[in-house]
mmCIF file of all heavy atoms, coordinates in Angstrom:
data_MODEL
# 
_entry.id   MODEL 
# 
loop_
_atom_site.group_PDB 
_atom_site.id 
_atom_site.type_symbol 
_atom_site.label_atom_id 
_atom_site.label_alt_id 
_atom_site.label_comp_id 
_atom_site.label_asym_id 
_atom_site.label_entity_id 
_atom_site.label_seq_id 
_atom_site.pdbx_PDB_ins_code 
_atom_site.Cartn_x 
_atom_site.Cartn_y 
_atom_site.Cartn_z 
_atom_site.occupancy 
_atom_site.B_iso_or_equiv 
_atom_site.pdbx_formal_charge 
_atom_site.auth_seq_id 
_atom_site.auth_comp_id 
_atom_site.auth_asym_id 
_atom_site.auth_atom_id 
_atom_site.pdbx_PDB_model_num 
ATOM 1   N N   . GLU A 1 1  ? 10.793 15.480 4.426   1.00 0.00 ? 1  GLU A N   1 
ATOM 2   C CA  . GLU A 1 1  ? 10.348 15.636 5.809   1.00 0.00 ? 1  GLU A CA  1 
ATOM 3   C C   . GLU A 1 1  ? 10.260 17.116 6.180   1.00 0.00 ? 1  GLU A C   1 
ATOM 4   O O   . GLU A 1 1  ? 9.273  17.567 6.773   1.00 0.00 ? 1  GLU A O   1 
ATOM 5   C CB  . GLU A 1 1  ? 11.326 14.915 6.759   1.00 0.00 ? 1  GLU A CB  1 
ATOM 6   C CG  . GLU A 1 1  ? 10.935 14.988 8.221   1.00 0.00 ? 1  GLU A CG  1 
ATOM 7   C CD  . GLU A 1 1  ? 11.962 14.326 9.138   1.00 0.00 ? 1  GLU A CD  1 
ATOM 8   O OE1 . GLU A 1 1  ? 12.986 13.818 8.620   1.00 0.00 ? 1  GLU A OE1 1 
ATOM 9   O OE2 . GLU A 1 1  ? 11.740 14.342 10.358  1.00 0.00 ? 1  GLU A OE2 1 
ATOM 10  N N   . PHE A 1 2  ? 11.290 17.872 5.819   1.00 0.00 ? 2  PHE A N   1 
ATOM 11  C CA  . PHE A 1 2  ? 11.310 19.311 6.113   1.00 0.00 ? 2  PHE A CA  1 
ATOM 12  C C   . PHE A 1 2  ? 10.187 20.026 5.364   1.00 0.00 ? 2  PHE A C   1 
ATOM 13  O O   . PHE A 1 2  ? 9.508  20.901 5.911   1.00 0.00 ? 2  PHE A O   1 
ATOM 14  C CB  . PHE A 1 2  ? 12.669 19.894 5.724   1.00 0.00 ? 2  PHE A CB  1 
ATOM 15  C CG  . PHE A 1 2  ? 12.829 21.355 6.042   1.00 0.00 ? 2  PHE A CG  1 
ATOM 16  C CD1 . PHE A 1 2  ? 13.057 21.769 7.344   1.00 0.00 ? 2  PHE A CD1 1 
ATOM 17  C CD2 . PHE A 1 2  ? 12.743 22.315 5.041   1.00 0.00 ? 2  PHE A CD2 1 
ATOM 18  C CE1 . PHE A 1 2  ? 13.201 23.129 7.654   1.00 0.00 ? 2  PHE A CE1 1 
ATOM 19  C CE2 . PHE A 1 2  ? 12.883 23.670 5.328   1.00 0.00 ? 2  PHE A CE2 1 
ATOM 20  C CZ  . PHE A 1 2  ? 13.113 24.073 6.640   1.00 0.00 ? 2  PHE A CZ  1 
ATOM 21  N N   . ALA A 1 3  ? 9.980  19.636 4.102   1.00 0.00 ? 3  ALA A N   1 
ATOM 22  C CA  . ALA A 1 3  ? 8.942  20.260 3.283   1.00 0.00 ? 3  ALA A CA  1 
ATOM 23  C C   . ALA A 1 3  ? 7.548  19.951 3.819   1.00 0.00 ? 3  ALA A C   1 
ATOM 24  O O   . ALA A 1 3  ? 6.668  20.823 3.835   1.00 0.00 ? 3  ALA A O   1 
ATOM 25  C CB  . ALA A 1 3  ? 9.065  19.791 1.842   1.00 0.00 ? 3  ALA A CB  1 
ATOM 26  N N   . ARG A 1 4  ? 7.333  18.717 4.226   1.00 0.00 ? 4  ARG A N   1 
ATOM 27  C CA  . ARG A 1 4  ? 6.023  18.345 4.784   1.00 0.00 ? 4  ARG A CA  1 
ATOM 28  C C   . ARG A 1 4  ? 5.700  19.195 6.008   1.00 0.00 ? 4  ARG A C   1 
ATOM 29  O O   . ARG A 1 4  ? 4.610  19.757 6.137   1.00 0.00 ? 4  ARG A O   1 
ATOM 30  C CB  . ARG A 1 4  ? 6.024  16.872 5.177   1.00 0.00 ? 4  ARG A CB  1 
ATOM 31  C CG  . ARG A 1 4  ? 5.710  15.896 4.065   1.00 0.00 ? 4  ARG A CG  1 
ATOM 32  C CD  . ARG A 1 4  ? 5.781  14.503 4.627   1.00 0.00 ? 4  ARG A CD  1 
ATOM 33  N NE  . ARG A 1 4  ? 5.407  13.484 3.661   1.00 0.00 ? 4  ARG A NE  1 
ATOM 34  C CZ  . ARG A 1 4  ? 5.831  12.237 3.720   1.00 0.00 ? 4  ARG A CZ  1 
ATOM 35  N NH1 . ARG A 1 4  ? 6.645  11.855 4.690   1.00 0.00 ? 4  ARG A NH1 1 
ATOM 36  N NH2 . ARG A 1 4  ? 5.440  11.352 2.818   1.00 0.00 ? 4  ARG A NH2 1 
ATOM 37  N N   . LYS A 1 5  ? 6.626  19.254 6.907   1.00 0.00 ? 5  LYS A N   1 
ATOM 38  C CA  . LYS A 1 5  ? 6.398  19.924 8.181   1.00 0.00 ? 5  LYS A CA  1 
ATOM 39  C C   . LYS A 1 5  ? 6.153  21.423 8.006   1.00 0.00 ? 5  LYS A C   1 
ATOM 40  O O   . LYS A 1 5  ? 5.291  22.002 8.676   1.00 0.00 ? 5  LYS A O   1 
ATOM 41  C CB  . LYS A 1 5  ? 7.613  19.693 9.093   1.00 0.00 ? 5  LYS A CB  1 
ATOM 42  C CG  . LYS A 1 5  ? 7.452  20.223 10.518  1.00 0.00 ? 5  LYS A CG  1 
ATOM 43  C CD  . LYS A 1 5  ? 8.746  20.066 11.293  1.00 0.00 ? 5  LYS A CD  1 
ATOM 44  C CE  . LYS A 1 5  ? 9.246  18.630 11.306  1.00 0.00 ? 5  LYS A CE  1 
ATOM 45  N NZ  . LYS A 1 5  ? 10.522 18.485 12.060  1.00 0.00 ? 5  LYS A NZ  1 
ATOM 46  N N   . ASN A 1 6  ? 6.887  22.027 7.111   1.00 0.00 ? 6  ASN A N   1 
ATOM 47  C CA  . ASN A 1 6  ? 6.901  23.487 7.042   1.00 0.00 ? 6  ASN A CA  1 
ATOM 48  C C   . ASN A 1 6  ? 6.156  24.097 5.853   1.00 0.00 ? 6  ASN A C   1 
ATOM 49  O O   . ASN A 1 6  ? 5.898  25.294 5.838   1.00 0.00 ? 6  ASN A O   1 
ATOM 50  C CB  . ASN A 1 6  ? 8.349  23.978 7.010   1.00 0.00 ? 6  ASN A CB  1 
ATOM 51  C CG  . ASN A 1 6  ? 9.106  23.628 8.272   1.00 0.00 ? 6  ASN A CG  1 
ATOM 52  O OD1 . ASN A 1 6  ? 8.865  24.207 9.327   1.00 0.00 ? 6  ASN A OD1 1 
ATOM 53  N ND2 . ASN A 1 6  ? 10.008 22.654 8.172   1.00 0.00 ? 6  ASN A ND2 1 
ATOM 54  N N   . LEU A 1 7  ? 5.802  23.263 4.861   1.00 0.00 ? 7  LEU A N   1 
ATOM 55  C CA  . LEU A 1 7  ? 5.156  23.811 3.673   1.00 0.00 ? 7  LEU A CA  1 
ATOM 56  C C   . LEU A 1 7  ? 3.944  22.981 3.242   1.00 0.00 ? 7  LEU A C   1 
ATOM 57  O O   . LEU A 1 7  ? 2.821  23.488 3.171   1.00 0.00 ? 7  LEU A O   1 
ATOM 58  C CB  . LEU A 1 7  ? 6.169  23.900 2.520   1.00 0.00 ? 7  LEU A CB  1 
ATOM 59  C CG  . LEU A 1 7  ? 5.670  24.532 1.226   1.00 0.00 ? 7  LEU A CG  1 
ATOM 60  C CD1 . LEU A 1 7  ? 5.301  26.000 1.442   1.00 0.00 ? 7  LEU A CD1 1 
ATOM 61  C CD2 . LEU A 1 7  ? 6.722  24.398 0.115   1.00 0.00 ? 7  LEU A CD2 1 
ATOM 62  N N   . PHE A 1 8  ? 4.156  21.704 2.972   1.00 0.00 ? 8  PHE A N   1 
ATOM 63  C CA  . PHE A 1 8  ? 3.088  20.890 2.405   1.00 0.00 ? 8  PHE A CA  1 
ATOM 64  C C   . PHE A 1 8  ? 1.932  20.641 3.372   1.00 0.00 ? 8  PHE A C   1 
ATOM 65  O O   . PHE A 1 8  ? 0.763  20.785 2.995   1.00 0.00 ? 8  PHE A O   1 
ATOM 66  C CB  . PHE A 1 8  ? 3.642  19.556 1.904   1.00 0.00 ? 8  PHE A CB  1 
ATOM 67  C CG  . PHE A 1 8  ? 4.615  19.690 0.764   1.00 0.00 ? 8  PHE A CG  1 
ATOM 68  C CD1 . PHE A 1 8  ? 5.639  18.770 0.598   1.00 0.00 ? 8  PHE A CD1 1 
ATOM 69  C CD2 . PHE A 1 8  ? 4.517  20.724 -0.147  1.00 0.00 ? 8  PHE A CD2 1 
ATOM 70  C CE1 . PHE A 1 8  ? 6.537  18.876 -0.459  1.00 0.00 ? 8  PHE A CE1 1 
ATOM 71  C CE2 . PHE A 1 8  ? 5.404  20.853 -1.207  1.00 0.00 ? 8  PHE A CE2 1 
ATOM 72  C CZ  . PHE A 1 8  ? 6.424  19.918 -1.356  1.00 0.00 ? 8  PHE A CZ  1 
ATOM 73  N N   . ASP A 1 9  ? 2.239  20.248 4.599   1.00 0.00 ? 9  ASP A N   1 
ATOM 74  C CA  . ASP A 1 9  ? 1.161  19.979 5.550   1.00 0.00 ? 9  ASP A CA  1 
ATOM 75  C C   . ASP A 1 9  ? 0.309  21.217 5.830   1.00 0.00 ? 9  ASP A C   1 
ATOM 76  O O   . ASP A 1 9  ? -0.930 21.122 5.827   1.00 0.00 ? 9  ASP A O   1 
ATOM 77  C CB  . ASP A 1 9  ? 1.710  19.393 6.852   1.00 0.00 ? 9  ASP A CB  1 
ATOM 78  C CG  . ASP A 1 9  ? 2.148  17.937 6.701   1.00 0.00 ? 9  ASP A CG  1 
ATOM 79  O OD1 . ASP A 1 9  ? 1.889  17.351 5.629   1.00 0.00 ? 9  ASP A OD1 1 
ATOM 80  O OD2 . ASP A 1 9  ? 2.752  17.393 7.645   1.00 0.00 ? 9  ASP A OD2 1 
ATOM 81  N N   . PRO A 1 10 ? 0.901  22.383 6.092   1.00 0.00 ? 10 PRO A N   1 
ATOM 82  C CA  . PRO A 1 10 ? 0.074  23.580 6.298   1.00 0.00 ? 10 PRO A CA  1 
ATOM 83  C C   . PRO A 1 10 ? -0.796 23.930 5.092   1.00 0.00 ? 10 PRO A C   1 
ATOM 84  O O   . PRO A 1 10 ? -1.892 24.466 5.248   1.00 0.00 ? 10 PRO A O   1 
ATOM 85  C CB  . PRO A 1 10 ? 1.107  24.683 6.566   1.00 0.00 ? 10 PRO A CB  1 
ATOM 86  C CG  . PRO A 1 10 ? 2.299  23.966 7.088   1.00 0.00 ? 10 PRO A CG  1 
ATOM 87  C CD  . PRO A 1 10 ? 2.326  22.659 6.363   1.00 0.00 ? 10 PRO A CD  1 
ATOM 88  N N   . LEU A 1 11 ? -0.305 23.624 3.874   1.00 0.00 ? 11 LEU A N   1 
ATOM 89  C CA  . LEU A 1 11 ? -1.068 23.895 2.660   1.00 0.00 ? 11 LEU A CA  1 
ATOM 90  C C   . LEU A 1 11 ? -2.012 22.750 2.298   1.00 0.00 ? 11 LEU A C   1 
ATOM 91  O O   . LEU A 1 11 ? -2.740 22.841 1.307   1.00 0.00 ? 11 LEU A O   1 
ATOM 92  C CB  . LEU A 1 11 ? -0.109 24.143 1.480   1.00 0.00 ? 11 LEU A CB  1 
ATOM 93  C CG  . LEU A 1 11 ? 0.782  25.385 1.550   1.00 0.00 ? 11 LEU A CG  1 
ATOM 94  C CD1 . LEU A 1 11 ? 1.673  25.458 0.313   1.00 0.00 ? 11 LEU A CD1 1 
ATOM 95  C CD2 . LEU A 1 11 ? -0.040 26.654 1.677   1.00 0.00 ? 11 LEU A CD2 1 
ATOM 96  N N   . GLU A 1 12 ? -1.992 21.685 3.097   1.00 0.00 ? 12 GLU A N   1 
ATOM 97  C CA  . GLU A 1 12 ? -2.785 20.486 2.837   1.00 0.00 ? 12 GLU A CA  1 
ATOM 98  C C   . GLU A 1 12 ? -2.465 19.896 1.461   1.00 0.00 ? 12 GLU A C   1 
ATOM 99  O O   . GLU A 1 12 ? -3.349 19.526 0.685   1.00 0.00 ? 12 GLU A O   1 
ATOM 100 C CB  . GLU A 1 12 ? -4.287 20.785 2.978   1.00 0.00 ? 12 GLU A CB  1 
ATOM 101 C CG  . GLU A 1 12 ? -4.660 21.194 4.389   1.00 0.00 ? 12 GLU A CG  1 
ATOM 102 C CD  . GLU A 1 12 ? -6.157 21.425 4.566   1.00 0.00 ? 12 GLU A CD  1 
ATOM 103 O OE1 . GLU A 1 12 ? -6.901 21.375 3.570   1.00 0.00 ? 12 GLU A OE1 1 
ATOM 104 O OE2 . GLU A 1 12 ? -6.583 21.678 5.714   1.00 0.00 ? 12 GLU A OE2 1 
ATOM 105 N N   . ILE A 1 13 ? -1.167 19.817 1.198   1.00 0.00 ? 13 ILE A N   1 
ATOM 106 C CA  . ILE A 1 13 ? -0.662 19.144 -0.001  1.00 0.00 ? 13 ILE A CA  1 
ATOM 107 C C   . ILE A 1 13 ? -0.109 17.792 0.436   1.00 0.00 ? 13 ILE A C   1 
ATOM 108 O O   . ILE A 1 13 ? 0.791  17.728 1.280   1.00 0.00 ? 13 ILE A O   1 
ATOM 109 C CB  . ILE A 1 13 ? 0.447  19.973 -0.683  1.00 0.00 ? 13 ILE A CB  1 
ATOM 110 C CG1 . ILE A 1 13 ? -0.137 21.274 -1.246  1.00 0.00 ? 13 ILE A CG1 1 
ATOM 111 C CG2 . ILE A 1 13 ? 1.129  19.171 -1.790  1.00 0.00 ? 13 ILE A CG2 1 
ATOM 112 C CD1 . ILE A 1 13 ? 0.908  22.227 -1.803  1.00 0.00 ? 13 ILE A CD1 1 
ATOM 113 N N   . GLU A 1 14 ? -0.640 16.733 -0.125  1.00 0.00 ? 14 GLU A N   1 
ATOM 114 C CA  . GLU A 1 14 ? -0.221 15.390 0.267   1.00 0.00 ? 14 GLU A CA  1 
ATOM 115 C C   . GLU A 1 14 ? 0.855  14.856 -0.679  1.00 0.00 ? 14 GLU A C   1 
ATOM 116 O O   . GLU A 1 14 ? 0.639  14.737 -1.876  1.00 0.00 ? 14 GLU A O   1 
ATOM 117 C CB  . GLU A 1 14 ? -1.407 14.426 0.249   1.00 0.00 ? 14 GLU A CB  1 
ATOM 118 C CG  . GLU A 1 14 ? -1.021 13.015 0.670   1.00 0.00 ? 14 GLU A CG  1 
ATOM 119 C CD  . GLU A 1 14 ? -2.120 11.993 0.372   1.00 0.00 ? 14 GLU A CD  1 
ATOM 120 O OE1 . GLU A 1 14 ? -2.759 12.095 -0.688  1.00 0.00 ? 14 GLU A OE1 1 
ATOM 121 O OE2 . GLU A 1 14 ? -2.300 11.096 1.198   1.00 0.00 ? 14 GLU A OE2 1 
ATOM 122 N N   . LEU A 1 15 ? 2.012  14.575 -0.124  1.00 0.00 ? 15 LEU A N   1 
ATOM 123 C CA  . LEU A 1 15 ? 3.061  13.859 -0.861  1.00 0.00 ? 15 LEU A CA  1 
ATOM 124 C C   . LEU A 1 15 ? 3.362  12.598 -0.061  1.00 0.00 ? 15 LEU A C   1 
ATOM 125 O O   . LEU A 1 15 ? 3.878  12.672 1.053   1.00 0.00 ? 15 LEU A O   1 
ATOM 126 C CB  . LEU A 1 15 ? 4.314  14.735 -1.018  1.00 0.00 ? 15 LEU A CB  1 
ATOM 127 C CG  . LEU A 1 15 ? 4.733  15.011 -2.469  1.00 0.00 ? 15 LEU A CG  1 
ATOM 128 C CD1 . LEU A 1 15 ? 3.638  15.796 -3.164  1.00 0.00 ? 15 LEU A CD1 1 
ATOM 129 C CD2 . LEU A 1 15 ? 6.035  15.771 -2.544  1.00 0.00 ? 15 LEU A CD2 1 
ATOM 130 N N   . LYS A 1 16 ? 3.050  11.448 -0.630  1.00 0.00 ? 16 LYS A N   1 
ATOM 131 C CA  . LYS A 1 16 ? 3.054  10.205 0.141   1.00 0.00 ? 16 LYS A CA  1 
ATOM 132 C C   . LYS A 1 16 ? 4.441  9.727  0.534   1.00 0.00 ? 16 LYS A C   1 
ATOM 133 O O   . LYS A 1 16 ? 4.613  9.120  1.586   1.00 0.00 ? 16 LYS A O   1 
ATOM 134 C CB  . LYS A 1 16 ? 2.317  9.114  -0.646  1.00 0.00 ? 16 LYS A CB  1 
ATOM 135 C CG  . LYS A 1 16 ? 0.809  9.312  -0.671  1.00 0.00 ? 16 LYS A CG  1 
ATOM 136 C CD  . LYS A 1 16 ? 0.088  8.137  -1.306  1.00 0.00 ? 16 LYS A CD  1 
ATOM 137 C CE  . LYS A 1 16 ? -1.418 8.305  -1.209  1.00 0.00 ? 16 LYS A CE  1 
ATOM 138 N NZ  . LYS A 1 16 ? -2.164 7.196  -1.865  1.00 0.00 ? 16 LYS A NZ  1 
ATOM 139 N N   . GLY A 1 17 ? 5.447  9.940  -0.323  1.00 0.00 ? 17 GLY A N   1 
ATOM 140 C CA  . GLY A 1 17 ? 6.762  9.450  0.061   1.00 0.00 ? 17 GLY A CA  1 
ATOM 141 C C   . GLY A 1 17 ? 7.782  9.580  -1.037  1.00 0.00 ? 17 GLY A C   1 
ATOM 142 O O   . GLY A 1 17 ? 7.569  10.251 -2.052  1.00 0.00 ? 17 GLY A O   1 
ATOM 143 N N   . ASP A 1 18 ? 8.922  8.927  -0.818  1.00 0.00 ? 18 ASP A N   1 
ATOM 144 C CA  . ASP A 1 18 ? 10.013 8.964  -1.782  1.00 0.00 ? 18 ASP A CA  1 
ATOM 145 C C   . ASP A 1 18 ? 9.721  8.053  -2.966  1.00 0.00 ? 18 ASP A C   1 
ATOM 146 O O   . ASP A 1 18 ? 9.096  7.001  -2.818  1.00 0.00 ? 18 ASP A O   1 
ATOM 147 C CB  . ASP A 1 18 ? 11.318 8.508  -1.124  1.00 0.00 ? 18 ASP A CB  1 
ATOM 148 C CG  . ASP A 1 18 ? 11.768 9.454  -0.009  1.00 0.00 ? 18 ASP A CG  1 
ATOM 149 O OD1 . ASP A 1 18 ? 11.420 10.645 -0.079  1.00 0.00 ? 18 ASP A OD1 1 
ATOM 150 O OD2 . ASP A 1 18 ? 12.454 8.989  0.914   1.00 0.00 ? 18 ASP A OD2 1 
ATOM 151 N N   . ILE A 1 19 ? 10.209 8.456  -4.121  1.00 0.00 ? 19 ILE A N   1 
ATOM 152 C CA  . ILE A 1 19 ? 10.081 7.651  -5.331  1.00 0.00 ? 19 ILE A CA  1 
ATOM 153 C C   . ILE A 1 19 ? 11.486 7.308  -5.821  1.00 0.00 ? 19 ILE A C   1 
ATOM 154 O O   . ILE A 1 19 ? 12.282 8.201  -6.110  1.00 0.00 ? 19 ILE A O   1 
ATOM 155 C CB  . ILE A 1 19 ? 9.324  8.407  -6.439  1.00 0.00 ? 19 ILE A CB  1 
ATOM 156 C CG1 . ILE A 1 19 ? 7.882  8.709  -5.992  1.00 0.00 ? 19 ILE A CG1 1 
ATOM 157 C CG2 . ILE A 1 19 ? 9.325  7.612  -7.739  1.00 0.00 ? 19 ILE A CG2 1 
ATOM 158 C CD1 . ILE A 1 19 ? 7.111  9.590  -6.961  1.00 0.00 ? 19 ILE A CD1 1 
ATOM 159 N N   . SER A 1 20 ? 11.801 6.030  -5.896  1.00 0.00 ? 20 SER A N   1 
ATOM 160 C CA  . SER A 1 20 ? 13.107 5.575  -6.387  1.00 0.00 ? 20 SER A CA  1 
ATOM 161 C C   . SER A 1 20 ? 12.967 5.107  -7.831  1.00 0.00 ? 20 SER A C   1 
ATOM 162 O O   . SER A 1 20 ? 12.079 4.309  -8.145  1.00 0.00 ? 20 SER A O   1 
ATOM 163 C CB  . SER A 1 20 ? 13.635 4.424  -5.524  1.00 0.00 ? 20 SER A CB  1 
ATOM 164 O OG  . SER A 1 20 ? 13.863 4.856  -4.196  1.00 0.00 ? 20 SER A OG  1 
ATOM 165 N N   . LEU A 1 21 ? 13.836 5.602  -8.668  1.00 0.00 ? 21 LEU A N   1 
ATOM 166 C CA  . LEU A 1 21 ? 13.845 5.213  -10.079 1.00 0.00 ? 21 LEU A CA  1 
ATOM 167 C C   . LEU A 1 21 ? 15.150 4.474  -10.345 1.00 0.00 ? 21 LEU A C   1 
ATOM 168 O O   . LEU A 1 21 ? 16.215 5.079  -10.404 1.00 0.00 ? 21 LEU A O   1 
ATOM 169 C CB  . LEU A 1 21 ? 13.731 6.459  -10.973 1.00 0.00 ? 21 LEU A CB  1 
ATOM 170 C CG  . LEU A 1 21 ? 12.496 7.338  -10.722 1.00 0.00 ? 21 LEU A CG  1 
ATOM 171 C CD1 . LEU A 1 21 ? 12.567 8.600  -11.559 1.00 0.00 ? 21 LEU A CD1 1 
ATOM 172 C CD2 . LEU A 1 21 ? 11.217 6.566  -11.008 1.00 0.00 ? 21 LEU A CD2 1 
ATOM 173 N N   . CYS A 1 22 ? 15.047 3.165  -10.473 1.00 0.00 ? 22 CYS A N   1 
ATOM 174 C CA  . CYS A 1 22 ? 16.247 2.326  -10.487 1.00 0.00 ? 22 CYS A CA  1 
ATOM 175 C C   . CYS A 1 22 ? 16.789 2.031  -11.880 1.00 0.00 ? 22 CYS A C   1 
ATOM 176 O O   . CYS A 1 22 ? 17.781 1.324  -12.025 1.00 0.00 ? 22 CYS A O   1 
ATOM 177 C CB  . CYS A 1 22 ? 15.960 1.013  -9.761  1.00 0.00 ? 22 CYS A CB  1 
ATOM 178 S SG  . CYS A 1 22 ? 15.428 1.239  -8.054  1.00 0.00 ? 22 CYS A SG  1 
ATOM 179 N N   . SER A 1 23 ? 16.118 2.540  -12.910 1.00 0.00 ? 23 SER A N   1 
ATOM 180 C CA  . SER A 1 23 ? 16.573 2.269  -14.276 1.00 0.00 ? 23 SER A CA  1 
ATOM 181 C C   . SER A 1 23 ? 16.070 3.363  -15.202 1.00 0.00 ? 23 SER A C   1 
ATOM 182 O O   . SER A 1 23 ? 15.201 4.158  -14.850 1.00 0.00 ? 23 SER A O   1 
ATOM 183 C CB  . SER A 1 23 ? 16.034 0.912  -14.760 1.00 0.00 ? 23 SER A CB  1 
ATOM 184 O OG  . SER A 1 23 ? 14.620 0.958  -14.885 1.00 0.00 ? 23 SER A OG  1 
ATOM 185 N N   . GLU A 1 24 ? 16.631 3.393  -16.396 1.00 0.00 ? 24 GLU A N   1 
ATOM 186 C CA  . GLU A 1 24 ? 16.190 4.378  -17.389 1.00 0.00 ? 24 GLU A CA  1 
ATOM 187 C C   . GLU A 1 24 ? 14.736 4.125  -17.764 1.00 0.00 ? 24 GLU A C   1 
ATOM 188 O O   . GLU A 1 24 ? 13.971 5.063  -17.990 1.00 0.00 ? 24 GLU A O   1 
ATOM 189 C CB  . GLU A 1 24 ? 17.077 4.293  -18.640 1.00 0.00 ? 24 GLU A CB  1 
ATOM 190 C CG  . GLU A 1 24 ? 16.774 5.384  -19.663 1.00 0.00 ? 24 GLU A CG  1 
ATOM 191 C CD  . GLU A 1 24 ? 17.755 5.381  -20.816 1.00 0.00 ? 24 GLU A CD  1 
ATOM 192 O OE1 . GLU A 1 24 ? 18.797 4.710  -20.728 1.00 0.00 ? 24 GLU A OE1 1 
ATOM 193 O OE2 . GLU A 1 24 ? 17.454 6.068  -21.812 1.00 0.00 ? 24 GLU A OE2 1 
ATOM 194 N N   . GLU A 1 25 ? 14.356 2.856  -17.822 1.00 0.00 ? 25 GLU A N   1 
ATOM 195 C CA  . GLU A 1 25 ? 12.975 2.514  -18.147 1.00 0.00 ? 25 GLU A CA  1 
ATOM 196 C C   . GLU A 1 25 ? 12.022 3.033  -17.069 1.00 0.00 ? 25 GLU A C   1 
ATOM 197 O O   . GLU A 1 25 ? 10.947 3.559  -17.382 1.00 0.00 ? 25 GLU A O   1 
ATOM 198 C CB  . GLU A 1 25 ? 12.819 0.998  -18.277 1.00 0.00 ? 25 GLU A CB  1 
ATOM 199 C CG  . GLU A 1 25 ? 13.506 0.379  -19.482 1.00 0.00 ? 25 GLU A CG  1 
ATOM 200 C CD  . GLU A 1 25 ? 15.025 0.281  -19.326 1.00 0.00 ? 25 GLU A CD  1 
ATOM 201 O OE1 . GLU A 1 25 ? 15.527 0.379  -18.167 1.00 0.00 ? 25 GLU A OE1 1 
ATOM 202 O OE2 . GLU A 1 25 ? 15.706 0.119  -20.354 1.00 0.00 ? 25 GLU A OE2 1 
# 
């Protein structure tokens, strides 16, 4: 959230959301 507001959005870099990795696979 902090990165979007202050870095990514001004640079027009889209990061859609969090990625959860629940296993080694």
